[in-house]
Amino acid sequence: MRHRLTPPLLIAAGALSLALVPPSASAHTNSPAAGARSLVTRPADSQTINVNVTSYGYNDNDDGNGHYGTAQIAYPQIHSEATEDLGTYDRPATFATDPGEFAPGTRIYVPFLQKYFIMEDGCAECSSDWQNGVHHVDLWMGPASSQPEPALDDCEGSITQSADIVVNAEPGLPVDTTPMFSDGQCTAVHH
């Protein structure tokens, strides 16, 4: 299972960047104050890269202090908690990674799911991978409440793969608004 890590330090909202930062150049930057909103800027040039794609949900999300079963996010941008939302450009789902890999507010598009996501959370495994030069994104799956197991864990596993994503994705790409996990069932569709 992948677990979210909430860093203890704060960054200024103006320090947000949408560029990829190599591990050797990454500074230790962390989330804005709890509940604060920062402006999400217009995307920079889009770029397709291959990443490790994993998923997490309410049951295996932690608050940064080892308390599981939460929808709390480290870097709120347009949502106050983790969500699948619609997966559109204007209503993207939440994803987690290391803030040095993709800055909070970065939008990605995952072609095999036909969904947009926005970086709003941290991921301990993603940070470890990023420190070793490996791209890793962890996509939020399901509603913000306790879900049946092993159904959620199995569904998370069903989308785990190495795949191309579009970073700083422009609007207008094909979107499947079907949730990936709904009513205790895996509804993720691979395109």
N, C-alpha and C. Protein backbone atom coordinates (compact mmCIF):
# COMPACT_ATOMS: atom_id res chain seq x y z
N MET A 1 0.84 -1.20 0.00
CA MET A 1 0.00 0.00 0.00
C MET A 1 0.87 1.24 0.00
N ARG A 2 0.40 2.24 -0.64
CA ARG A 2 1.09 3.52 -0.68
C ARG A 2 0.50 4.43 0.37
N HIS A 3 1.35 5.15 1.06
CA HIS A 3 0.86 6.04 2.11
C HIS A 3 1.32 7.45 1.86
N ARG A 4 0.45 8.39 2.13
CA ARG A 4 0.71 9.80 1.94
C ARG A 4 1.52 10.31 3.12
N LEU A 5 2.42 11.20 2.85
CA LEU A 5 3.25 11.81 3.86
C LEU A 5 2.98 13.30 3.87
N THR A 6 2.58 13.84 5.01
CA THR A 6 2.35 15.27 5.12
C THR A 6 3.60 15.90 5.70
N PRO A 7 4.32 16.70 4.92
CA PRO A 7 5.52 17.35 5.43
C PRO A 7 5.18 18.41 6.47
N PRO A 8 6.09 18.64 7.43
CA PRO A 8 5.82 19.56 8.51
C PRO A 8 6.09 21.03 8.22
N LEU A 9 6.83 21.36 7.17
CA LEU A 9 7.20 22.74 6.91
C LEU A 9 6.25 23.40 5.94
N LEU A 10 6.33 24.71 5.79
CA LEU A 10 5.44 25.47 4.92
C LEU A 10 6.23 26.16 3.82
N ILE A 11 5.57 26.40 2.66
CA ILE A 11 6.17 27.22 1.62
C ILE A 11 5.27 28.41 1.36
N ALA A 12 5.82 29.41 0.79
CA ALA A 12 5.01 30.56 0.39
C ALA A 12 4.26 30.20 -0.87
N ALA A 13 3.03 30.66 -0.99
CA ALA A 13 2.20 30.35 -2.16
C ALA A 13 2.87 30.80 -3.45
N GLY A 14 3.66 31.85 -3.41
CA GLY A 14 4.31 32.36 -4.60
C GLY A 14 5.47 31.50 -5.07
N ALA A 15 5.87 30.51 -4.30
CA ALA A 15 7.01 29.68 -4.67
C ALA A 15 6.63 28.51 -5.56
N LEU A 16 5.36 28.42 -5.95
CA LEU A 16 4.92 27.29 -6.75
C LEU A 16 5.47 27.39 -8.17
N SER A 17 5.86 26.25 -8.71
CA SER A 17 6.37 26.15 -10.06
C SER A 17 5.72 24.96 -10.74
N LEU A 18 5.52 25.02 -12.04
CA LEU A 18 4.93 23.91 -12.75
C LEU A 18 5.97 23.13 -13.55
N ALA A 19 7.23 23.39 -13.36
CA ALA A 19 8.26 22.71 -14.12
C ALA A 19 8.72 21.45 -13.40
N LEU A 20 9.21 20.48 -14.18
CA LEU A 20 9.84 19.30 -13.59
C LEU A 20 11.17 19.74 -13.01
N VAL A 21 11.50 19.24 -11.83
CA VAL A 21 12.75 19.58 -11.19
C VAL A 21 13.49 18.28 -10.95
N PRO A 22 14.70 18.13 -11.47
CA PRO A 22 15.43 16.90 -11.23
C PRO A 22 15.76 16.75 -9.76
N PRO A 23 15.92 15.50 -9.26
CA PRO A 23 16.16 15.30 -7.85
C PRO A 23 17.35 16.08 -7.33
N SER A 24 18.40 16.22 -8.11
CA SER A 24 19.58 16.93 -7.63
C SER A 24 19.31 18.41 -7.42
N ALA A 25 18.28 18.95 -8.08
CA ALA A 25 18.00 20.38 -7.97
C ALA A 25 16.83 20.67 -7.04
N SER A 26 16.19 19.62 -6.54
CA SER A 26 14.99 19.86 -5.74
C SER A 26 15.33 20.42 -4.38
N ALA A 27 14.59 21.43 -4.01
CA ALA A 27 14.71 22.00 -2.67
C ALA A 27 13.65 21.33 -1.82
N HIS A 28 13.79 21.40 -0.53
CA HIS A 28 12.78 20.85 0.36
C HIS A 28 11.69 21.90 0.53
N THR A 29 10.63 21.76 -0.25
CA THR A 29 9.49 22.67 -0.17
C THR A 29 8.29 21.89 0.30
N ASN A 30 7.41 22.55 0.99
CA ASN A 30 6.27 21.89 1.57
C ASN A 30 5.01 22.70 1.39
N SER A 31 3.93 22.25 2.02
CA SER A 31 2.59 22.78 1.74
C SER A 31 2.33 24.16 2.32
N PRO A 32 1.37 24.88 1.69
CA PRO A 32 0.91 26.12 2.27
C PRO A 32 0.19 25.81 3.58
N ALA A 33 -0.06 26.82 4.36
CA ALA A 33 -0.74 26.63 5.64
C ALA A 33 -2.04 25.88 5.42
N ALA A 34 -2.42 25.06 6.41
CA ALA A 34 -3.63 24.25 6.31
C ALA A 34 -4.82 25.12 5.94
N GLY A 35 -5.58 24.64 4.97
CA GLY A 35 -6.78 25.37 4.55
C GLY A 35 -6.51 26.50 3.58
N ALA A 36 -5.24 26.89 3.41
CA ALA A 36 -4.93 27.99 2.49
C ALA A 36 -5.10 27.53 1.06
N ARG A 37 -5.46 28.41 0.20
CA ARG A 37 -5.59 28.10 -1.22
C ARG A 37 -4.56 28.93 -1.98
N SER A 38 -3.93 28.30 -2.94
CA SER A 38 -3.02 29.04 -3.79
C SER A 38 -3.60 29.03 -5.20
N LEU A 39 -3.22 30.01 -5.97
CA LEU A 39 -3.72 30.11 -7.33
C LEU A 39 -3.04 29.06 -8.19
N VAL A 40 -3.81 28.36 -8.99
CA VAL A 40 -3.26 27.40 -9.93
C VAL A 40 -3.03 28.15 -11.23
N THR A 41 -1.77 28.20 -11.65
CA THR A 41 -1.43 28.98 -12.83
C THR A 41 -1.71 28.21 -14.11
N ARG A 42 -1.70 28.89 -15.21
CA ARG A 42 -1.90 28.30 -16.54
C ARG A 42 -0.78 27.31 -16.79
N PRO A 43 -1.07 26.17 -17.41
CA PRO A 43 -0.03 25.16 -17.60
C PRO A 43 1.12 25.66 -18.47
N ALA A 44 2.31 25.17 -18.15
CA ALA A 44 3.47 25.40 -19.00
C ALA A 44 3.34 24.44 -20.18
N ASP A 45 4.34 24.39 -21.02
CA ASP A 45 4.30 23.46 -22.15
C ASP A 45 4.12 22.04 -21.63
N SER A 46 3.23 21.30 -22.30
CA SER A 46 2.98 19.92 -21.87
C SER A 46 4.16 19.04 -22.28
N GLN A 47 4.30 17.94 -21.55
CA GLN A 47 5.40 17.02 -21.76
C GLN A 47 4.89 15.61 -21.43
N THR A 48 5.18 14.63 -22.29
CA THR A 48 4.80 13.25 -22.02
C THR A 48 6.00 12.53 -21.43
N ILE A 49 5.79 11.89 -20.28
CA ILE A 49 6.85 11.12 -19.63
C ILE A 49 6.28 9.79 -19.14
N ASN A 50 7.16 8.82 -18.95
CA ASN A 50 6.77 7.52 -18.42
C ASN A 50 6.99 7.54 -16.91
N VAL A 51 5.98 7.10 -16.17
CA VAL A 51 6.03 7.12 -14.70
C VAL A 51 5.50 5.80 -14.15
N ASN A 52 5.81 5.53 -12.89
CA ASN A 52 5.14 4.47 -12.15
C ASN A 52 3.82 5.05 -11.67
N VAL A 53 2.71 4.41 -12.04
CA VAL A 53 1.38 4.85 -11.64
C VAL A 53 0.87 3.88 -10.58
N THR A 54 0.51 4.43 -9.42
CA THR A 54 -0.12 3.65 -8.36
C THR A 54 -1.38 4.41 -7.95
N SER A 55 -2.10 3.85 -7.01
CA SER A 55 -3.32 4.49 -6.55
C SER A 55 -3.46 4.33 -5.05
N TYR A 56 -4.17 5.25 -4.43
CA TYR A 56 -4.45 5.18 -3.01
C TYR A 56 -5.86 5.69 -2.77
N GLY A 57 -6.41 5.36 -1.64
CA GLY A 57 -7.76 5.80 -1.30
C GLY A 57 -7.89 6.07 0.19
N TYR A 58 -9.09 6.29 0.60
CA TYR A 58 -9.38 6.66 1.99
C TYR A 58 -8.77 5.68 2.99
N ASN A 59 -8.90 4.40 2.73
CA ASN A 59 -8.46 3.40 3.70
C ASN A 59 -6.96 3.42 3.95
N ASP A 60 -6.15 3.65 2.91
CA ASP A 60 -4.70 3.60 3.08
C ASP A 60 -4.04 4.97 3.00
N ASN A 61 -4.83 6.02 3.12
CA ASN A 61 -4.28 7.38 3.19
C ASN A 61 -4.06 7.72 4.66
N ASP A 62 -2.92 8.32 4.94
CA ASP A 62 -2.67 8.74 6.33
C ASP A 62 -2.54 10.25 6.41
N ASP A 63 -2.62 10.75 7.63
CA ASP A 63 -2.58 12.20 7.86
C ASP A 63 -1.17 12.72 8.07
N GLY A 64 -0.17 11.89 7.83
CA GLY A 64 1.22 12.29 8.05
C GLY A 64 1.71 11.94 9.43
N ASN A 65 0.80 11.49 10.28
CA ASN A 65 1.15 11.10 11.65
C ASN A 65 0.83 9.64 11.91
N GLY A 66 0.64 8.87 10.83
CA GLY A 66 0.38 7.45 10.98
C GLY A 66 -1.06 7.09 11.27
N HIS A 67 -1.98 8.05 11.16
CA HIS A 67 -3.40 7.79 11.36
C HIS A 67 -4.05 7.58 9.99
N TYR A 68 -4.52 6.35 9.75
CA TYR A 68 -5.09 6.00 8.45
C TYR A 68 -6.60 6.16 8.45
N GLY A 69 -7.16 6.20 7.23
CA GLY A 69 -8.60 6.38 7.08
C GLY A 69 -8.94 7.85 7.09
N THR A 70 -8.42 8.58 6.10
CA THR A 70 -8.62 10.02 6.01
C THR A 70 -8.56 10.45 4.54
N ALA A 71 -9.18 11.56 4.25
CA ALA A 71 -9.08 12.16 2.92
C ALA A 71 -8.25 13.44 2.98
N GLN A 72 -7.54 13.66 4.08
CA GLN A 72 -6.71 14.85 4.25
C GLN A 72 -5.63 14.88 3.17
N ILE A 73 -5.36 16.08 2.65
CA ILE A 73 -4.30 16.27 1.66
C ILE A 73 -3.30 17.30 2.16
N ALA A 74 -2.08 17.18 1.69
CA ALA A 74 -0.99 18.05 2.15
C ALA A 74 -0.94 19.40 1.45
N TYR A 75 -1.38 19.46 0.18
CA TYR A 75 -1.22 20.66 -0.62
C TYR A 75 -2.54 21.07 -1.27
N PRO A 76 -3.56 21.43 -0.50
CA PRO A 76 -4.86 21.79 -1.11
C PRO A 76 -4.68 22.88 -2.18
N GLN A 77 -5.26 22.63 -3.35
CA GLN A 77 -5.19 23.60 -4.44
C GLN A 77 -6.60 24.04 -4.81
N ILE A 78 -7.40 23.12 -5.32
CA ILE A 78 -8.79 23.43 -5.66
C ILE A 78 -9.77 22.58 -4.87
N HIS A 79 -9.26 21.61 -4.11
CA HIS A 79 -10.09 20.76 -3.26
C HIS A 79 -9.63 20.90 -1.81
N SER A 80 -10.55 20.71 -0.88
CA SER A 80 -10.17 20.76 0.54
C SER A 80 -9.79 19.38 1.06
N GLU A 81 -10.15 18.33 0.30
CA GLU A 81 -9.75 16.97 0.64
C GLU A 81 -9.60 16.18 -0.66
N ALA A 82 -8.97 15.01 -0.55
CA ALA A 82 -8.75 14.18 -1.74
C ALA A 82 -10.08 13.79 -2.36
N THR A 83 -10.09 13.75 -3.70
CA THR A 83 -11.32 13.45 -4.41
C THR A 83 -11.02 12.89 -5.80
N GLU A 84 -11.93 12.07 -6.30
CA GLU A 84 -11.89 11.67 -7.72
C GLU A 84 -12.51 12.76 -8.58
N ASP A 85 -13.39 13.57 -8.01
CA ASP A 85 -14.12 14.61 -8.74
C ASP A 85 -14.58 14.03 -10.07
N LEU A 86 -14.59 14.80 -11.15
CA LEU A 86 -15.04 14.28 -12.44
C LEU A 86 -13.89 13.77 -13.32
N GLY A 87 -12.66 14.17 -12.99
CA GLY A 87 -11.53 13.79 -13.81
C GLY A 87 -11.38 14.63 -15.07
N THR A 88 -12.10 15.76 -15.13
CA THR A 88 -11.99 16.67 -16.26
C THR A 88 -10.88 17.68 -15.98
N TYR A 89 -10.54 18.49 -16.98
CA TYR A 89 -9.52 19.52 -16.78
C TYR A 89 -9.95 20.49 -15.68
N ASP A 90 -11.19 20.95 -15.73
CA ASP A 90 -11.69 21.92 -14.75
C ASP A 90 -12.01 21.29 -13.40
N ARG A 91 -12.26 19.99 -13.38
CA ARG A 91 -12.59 19.28 -12.14
C ARG A 91 -11.75 18.00 -12.04
N PRO A 92 -10.42 18.19 -11.92
CA PRO A 92 -9.51 17.04 -11.90
C PRO A 92 -9.58 16.29 -10.58
N ALA A 93 -9.16 15.04 -10.61
CA ALA A 93 -9.02 14.23 -9.40
C ALA A 93 -7.69 14.60 -8.72
N THR A 94 -7.55 14.21 -7.48
CA THR A 94 -6.33 14.45 -6.70
C THR A 94 -5.27 13.41 -7.03
N PHE A 95 -4.01 13.86 -7.12
CA PHE A 95 -2.90 12.89 -7.14
C PHE A 95 -1.82 13.34 -6.17
N ALA A 96 -1.00 12.38 -5.77
CA ALA A 96 0.08 12.62 -4.81
C ALA A 96 1.41 12.28 -5.47
N THR A 97 2.44 12.98 -5.04
CA THR A 97 3.82 12.69 -5.44
C THR A 97 4.74 13.50 -4.55
N ASP A 98 6.00 13.52 -4.88
CA ASP A 98 6.95 14.37 -4.18
C ASP A 98 6.84 15.79 -4.74
N PRO A 99 6.77 16.83 -3.89
CA PRO A 99 6.62 18.19 -4.41
C PRO A 99 7.82 18.68 -5.20
N GLY A 100 8.94 18.01 -5.12
CA GLY A 100 10.09 18.35 -5.96
C GLY A 100 9.97 17.76 -7.35
N GLU A 101 9.15 16.73 -7.48
CA GLU A 101 8.93 16.11 -8.80
C GLU A 101 7.92 16.91 -9.60
N PHE A 102 6.74 17.12 -9.01
CA PHE A 102 5.71 17.96 -9.62
C PHE A 102 5.20 18.90 -8.52
N ALA A 103 5.24 20.17 -8.79
CA ALA A 103 4.81 21.16 -7.80
C ALA A 103 3.30 21.04 -7.55
N PRO A 104 2.87 21.35 -6.32
CA PRO A 104 1.43 21.39 -6.06
C PRO A 104 0.75 22.30 -7.09
N GLY A 105 -0.39 21.83 -7.60
CA GLY A 105 -1.12 22.57 -8.62
C GLY A 105 -0.84 22.08 -10.03
N THR A 106 0.19 21.24 -10.21
CA THR A 106 0.49 20.70 -11.53
C THR A 106 -0.64 19.77 -11.96
N ARG A 107 -1.11 19.95 -13.18
CA ARG A 107 -2.13 19.05 -13.74
C ARG A 107 -1.44 18.02 -14.62
N ILE A 108 -1.90 16.78 -14.50
CA ILE A 108 -1.44 15.72 -15.39
C ILE A 108 -2.67 15.08 -16.03
N TYR A 109 -2.43 14.43 -17.14
CA TYR A 109 -3.47 13.67 -17.82
C TYR A 109 -2.95 12.25 -17.95
N VAL A 110 -3.78 11.28 -17.56
CA VAL A 110 -3.40 9.87 -17.62
C VAL A 110 -4.19 9.23 -18.77
N PRO A 111 -3.54 9.04 -19.94
CA PRO A 111 -4.25 8.55 -21.11
C PRO A 111 -4.95 7.20 -20.94
N PHE A 112 -4.32 6.25 -20.23
CA PHE A 112 -4.96 4.94 -20.13
C PHE A 112 -6.22 4.97 -19.26
N LEU A 113 -6.42 6.04 -18.49
CA LEU A 113 -7.65 6.23 -17.71
C LEU A 113 -8.54 7.32 -18.32
N GLN A 114 -7.98 8.11 -19.21
CA GLN A 114 -8.65 9.28 -19.79
C GLN A 114 -9.18 10.20 -18.69
N LYS A 115 -8.27 10.59 -17.78
CA LYS A 115 -8.62 11.47 -16.67
C LYS A 115 -7.50 12.47 -16.40
N TYR A 116 -7.92 13.65 -15.96
CA TYR A 116 -7.00 14.68 -15.48
C TYR A 116 -6.90 14.57 -13.96
N PHE A 117 -5.71 14.88 -13.45
CA PHE A 117 -5.45 14.89 -12.01
C PHE A 117 -4.67 16.16 -11.68
N ILE A 118 -4.78 16.60 -10.43
CA ILE A 118 -4.03 17.77 -9.96
C ILE A 118 -3.22 17.38 -8.73
N MET A 119 -1.97 17.82 -8.68
CA MET A 119 -1.10 17.49 -7.55
C MET A 119 -1.57 18.26 -6.32
N GLU A 120 -2.06 17.50 -5.32
CA GLU A 120 -2.56 18.10 -4.08
C GLU A 120 -2.11 17.34 -2.84
N ASP A 121 -1.23 16.35 -3.00
CA ASP A 121 -0.89 15.52 -1.85
C ASP A 121 0.53 15.00 -1.98
N GLY A 122 1.09 14.60 -0.86
CA GLY A 122 2.42 14.01 -0.81
C GLY A 122 2.33 12.50 -0.76
N CYS A 123 3.42 11.83 -1.10
CA CYS A 123 3.45 10.37 -1.15
C CYS A 123 4.85 9.93 -0.74
N ALA A 124 4.95 9.19 0.38
CA ALA A 124 6.26 8.78 0.89
C ALA A 124 7.01 7.89 -0.11
N GLU A 125 6.32 6.91 -0.70
CA GLU A 125 6.97 6.04 -1.69
C GLU A 125 7.39 6.83 -2.93
N CYS A 126 6.56 7.80 -3.32
CA CYS A 126 6.90 8.64 -4.48
C CYS A 126 8.16 9.44 -4.19
N SER A 127 8.28 9.97 -2.98
CA SER A 127 9.47 10.74 -2.60
C SER A 127 10.72 9.87 -2.63
N SER A 128 10.61 8.66 -2.11
CA SER A 128 11.74 7.73 -2.13
C SER A 128 12.14 7.41 -3.57
N ASP A 129 11.14 7.14 -4.41
CA ASP A 129 11.44 6.86 -5.82
C ASP A 129 12.08 8.07 -6.48
N TRP A 130 11.53 9.27 -6.23
CA TRP A 130 12.04 10.49 -6.87
C TRP A 130 13.49 10.73 -6.47
N GLN A 131 13.84 10.46 -5.22
CA GLN A 131 15.22 10.62 -4.77
C GLN A 131 16.16 9.67 -5.51
N ASN A 132 15.58 8.59 -6.05
CA ASN A 132 16.36 7.63 -6.83
C ASN A 132 16.16 7.82 -8.33
N GLY A 133 15.61 8.98 -8.74
CA GLY A 133 15.46 9.33 -10.14
C GLY A 133 14.31 8.64 -10.86
N VAL A 134 13.34 8.11 -10.11
CA VAL A 134 12.21 7.41 -10.71
C VAL A 134 10.95 8.25 -10.55
N HIS A 135 10.26 8.51 -11.66
CA HIS A 135 8.99 9.23 -11.62
C HIS A 135 7.91 8.32 -11.04
N HIS A 136 7.07 8.86 -10.14
CA HIS A 136 6.02 8.06 -9.50
C HIS A 136 4.87 8.99 -9.13
N VAL A 137 3.66 8.65 -9.59
CA VAL A 137 2.46 9.38 -9.19
C VAL A 137 1.49 8.39 -8.55
N ASP A 138 0.77 8.85 -7.54
CA ASP A 138 -0.19 8.05 -6.79
C ASP A 138 -1.55 8.72 -6.94
N LEU A 139 -2.48 8.07 -7.62
CA LEU A 139 -3.76 8.66 -7.99
C LEU A 139 -4.83 8.33 -6.94
N TRP A 140 -5.60 9.34 -6.52
CA TRP A 140 -6.68 9.11 -5.56
C TRP A 140 -7.79 8.31 -6.23
N MET A 141 -8.32 7.35 -5.47
CA MET A 141 -9.38 6.50 -5.96
C MET A 141 -10.47 6.39 -4.90
N GLY A 142 -11.72 6.56 -5.33
CA GLY A 142 -12.86 6.33 -4.45
C GLY A 142 -13.32 7.56 -3.69
N PRO A 143 -14.42 7.39 -2.96
CA PRO A 143 -14.95 8.49 -2.17
C PRO A 143 -14.14 8.74 -0.90
N ALA A 144 -14.44 9.83 -0.24
CA ALA A 144 -13.73 10.24 0.97
C ALA A 144 -14.39 9.64 2.21
N SER A 145 -14.53 8.31 2.20
CA SER A 145 -15.07 7.58 3.35
C SER A 145 -14.54 6.15 3.29
N SER A 146 -14.64 5.44 4.40
CA SER A 146 -14.15 4.07 4.48
C SER A 146 -14.80 3.21 3.40
N GLN A 147 -13.96 2.37 2.76
CA GLN A 147 -14.40 1.53 1.65
C GLN A 147 -14.18 0.06 1.97
N PRO A 148 -14.95 -0.84 1.35
CA PRO A 148 -14.78 -2.26 1.62
C PRO A 148 -13.44 -2.78 1.11
N GLU A 149 -12.86 -3.66 1.90
CA GLU A 149 -11.62 -4.33 1.50
C GLU A 149 -11.90 -5.82 1.37
N PRO A 150 -11.26 -6.50 0.48
CA PRO A 150 -10.11 -6.07 -0.30
C PRO A 150 -10.48 -5.35 -1.60
N ALA A 151 -11.75 -5.00 -1.79
CA ALA A 151 -12.19 -4.40 -3.06
C ALA A 151 -11.39 -3.16 -3.44
N LEU A 152 -11.20 -2.22 -2.48
CA LEU A 152 -10.46 -1.00 -2.80
C LEU A 152 -9.01 -1.33 -3.12
N ASP A 153 -8.36 -2.15 -2.31
CA ASP A 153 -6.96 -2.49 -2.54
C ASP A 153 -6.79 -3.21 -3.88
N ASP A 154 -7.71 -4.11 -4.21
CA ASP A 154 -7.64 -4.82 -5.49
C ASP A 154 -7.80 -3.85 -6.66
N CYS A 155 -8.70 -2.88 -6.52
CA CYS A 155 -8.92 -1.90 -7.58
C CYS A 155 -7.68 -1.01 -7.74
N GLU A 156 -7.09 -0.61 -6.61
CA GLU A 156 -5.85 0.17 -6.67
C GLU A 156 -4.80 -0.60 -7.46
N GLY A 157 -4.68 -1.90 -7.16
CA GLY A 157 -3.71 -2.74 -7.85
C GLY A 157 -3.99 -2.88 -9.34
N SER A 158 -5.27 -2.80 -9.71
CA SER A 158 -5.64 -3.01 -11.12
C SER A 158 -5.15 -1.90 -12.04
N ILE A 159 -4.85 -0.72 -11.49
CA ILE A 159 -4.35 0.37 -12.35
C ILE A 159 -2.85 0.61 -12.17
N THR A 160 -2.22 -0.16 -11.28
CA THR A 160 -0.79 0.00 -11.04
C THR A 160 0.00 -0.49 -12.26
N GLN A 161 0.82 0.40 -12.80
CA GLN A 161 1.62 0.06 -13.98
C GLN A 161 2.60 1.18 -14.29
N SER A 162 3.50 0.89 -15.19
CA SER A 162 4.37 1.91 -15.76
C SER A 162 3.63 2.42 -16.99
N ALA A 163 3.43 3.74 -17.07
CA ALA A 163 2.62 4.28 -18.16
C ALA A 163 3.05 5.70 -18.49
N ASP A 164 2.74 6.12 -19.72
CA ASP A 164 2.96 7.51 -20.11
C ASP A 164 1.86 8.38 -19.53
N ILE A 165 2.24 9.57 -19.06
CA ILE A 165 1.30 10.59 -18.64
C ILE A 165 1.68 11.89 -19.33
N VAL A 166 0.75 12.83 -19.38
CA VAL A 166 1.03 14.15 -19.94
C VAL A 166 1.08 15.13 -18.77
N VAL A 167 2.24 15.75 -18.59
CA VAL A 167 2.45 16.73 -17.52
C VAL A 167 2.12 18.12 -18.07
N ASN A 168 1.48 18.94 -17.27
CA ASN A 168 1.01 20.27 -17.69
C ASN A 168 0.07 20.12 -18.88
N ALA A 169 -0.82 19.15 -18.75
CA ALA A 169 -1.76 18.82 -19.82
C ALA A 169 -2.68 19.98 -20.13
N GLU A 170 -2.91 20.20 -21.40
CA GLU A 170 -3.86 21.22 -21.86
C GLU A 170 -5.28 20.68 -21.75
N PRO A 171 -6.27 21.55 -21.68
CA PRO A 171 -7.66 21.07 -21.69
C PRO A 171 -8.02 20.48 -23.06
N GLY A 172 -9.12 19.73 -23.09
CA GLY A 172 -9.65 19.24 -24.35
C GLY A 172 -9.31 17.81 -24.71
N LEU A 173 -8.56 17.10 -23.87
CA LEU A 173 -8.26 15.70 -24.16
C LEU A 173 -9.48 14.84 -23.80
N PRO A 174 -9.61 13.65 -24.39
CA PRO A 174 -10.77 12.80 -24.08
C PRO A 174 -10.85 12.48 -22.59
N VAL A 175 -12.06 12.52 -22.04
CA VAL A 175 -12.26 12.27 -20.60
C VAL A 175 -13.35 11.24 -20.40
N ASP A 176 -13.06 10.30 -19.50
CA ASP A 176 -14.05 9.33 -19.03
C ASP A 176 -14.40 9.76 -17.60
N THR A 177 -15.62 10.23 -17.37
CA THR A 177 -16.01 10.74 -16.05
C THR A 177 -16.49 9.63 -15.11
N THR A 178 -16.45 8.36 -15.56
CA THR A 178 -16.81 7.25 -14.69
C THR A 178 -15.83 7.20 -13.52
N PRO A 179 -16.30 7.16 -12.28
CA PRO A 179 -15.35 7.02 -11.15
C PRO A 179 -14.56 5.72 -11.28
N MET A 180 -13.38 5.69 -10.69
CA MET A 180 -12.58 4.47 -10.72
C MET A 180 -13.06 3.47 -9.67
N PHE A 181 -13.62 3.98 -8.57
CA PHE A 181 -14.13 3.12 -7.50
C PHE A 181 -15.38 3.77 -6.95
N SER A 182 -16.50 3.04 -7.01
CA SER A 182 -17.78 3.61 -6.61
C SER A 182 -18.69 2.53 -6.05
N ASP A 183 -19.42 2.86 -5.01
CA ASP A 183 -20.38 1.93 -4.39
C ASP A 183 -19.73 0.59 -4.05
N GLY A 184 -18.48 0.64 -3.57
CA GLY A 184 -17.78 -0.57 -3.15
C GLY A 184 -17.30 -1.44 -4.29
N GLN A 185 -17.33 -0.91 -5.52
CA GLN A 185 -16.96 -1.68 -6.71
C GLN A 185 -15.86 -0.97 -7.50
N CYS A 186 -15.00 -1.77 -8.09
CA CYS A 186 -13.97 -1.23 -8.99
C CYS A 186 -14.64 -0.94 -10.34
N THR A 187 -14.61 0.32 -10.73
CA THR A 187 -15.22 0.73 -11.98
C THR A 187 -14.18 1.37 -12.90
N ALA A 188 -12.89 1.19 -12.56
CA ALA A 188 -11.81 1.75 -13.38
C ALA A 188 -11.83 1.12 -14.76
N VAL A 189 -11.73 1.96 -15.78
CA VAL A 189 -11.74 1.51 -17.17
C VAL A 189 -10.39 1.87 -17.78
N HIS A 190 -9.76 0.86 -18.37
CA HIS A 190 -8.51 1.10 -19.10
C HIS A 190 -8.85 1.37 -20.55
N HIS A 191 -8.31 2.46 -21.10
CA HIS A 191 -8.59 2.84 -22.50
C HIS A 191 -7.39 2.55 -23.37
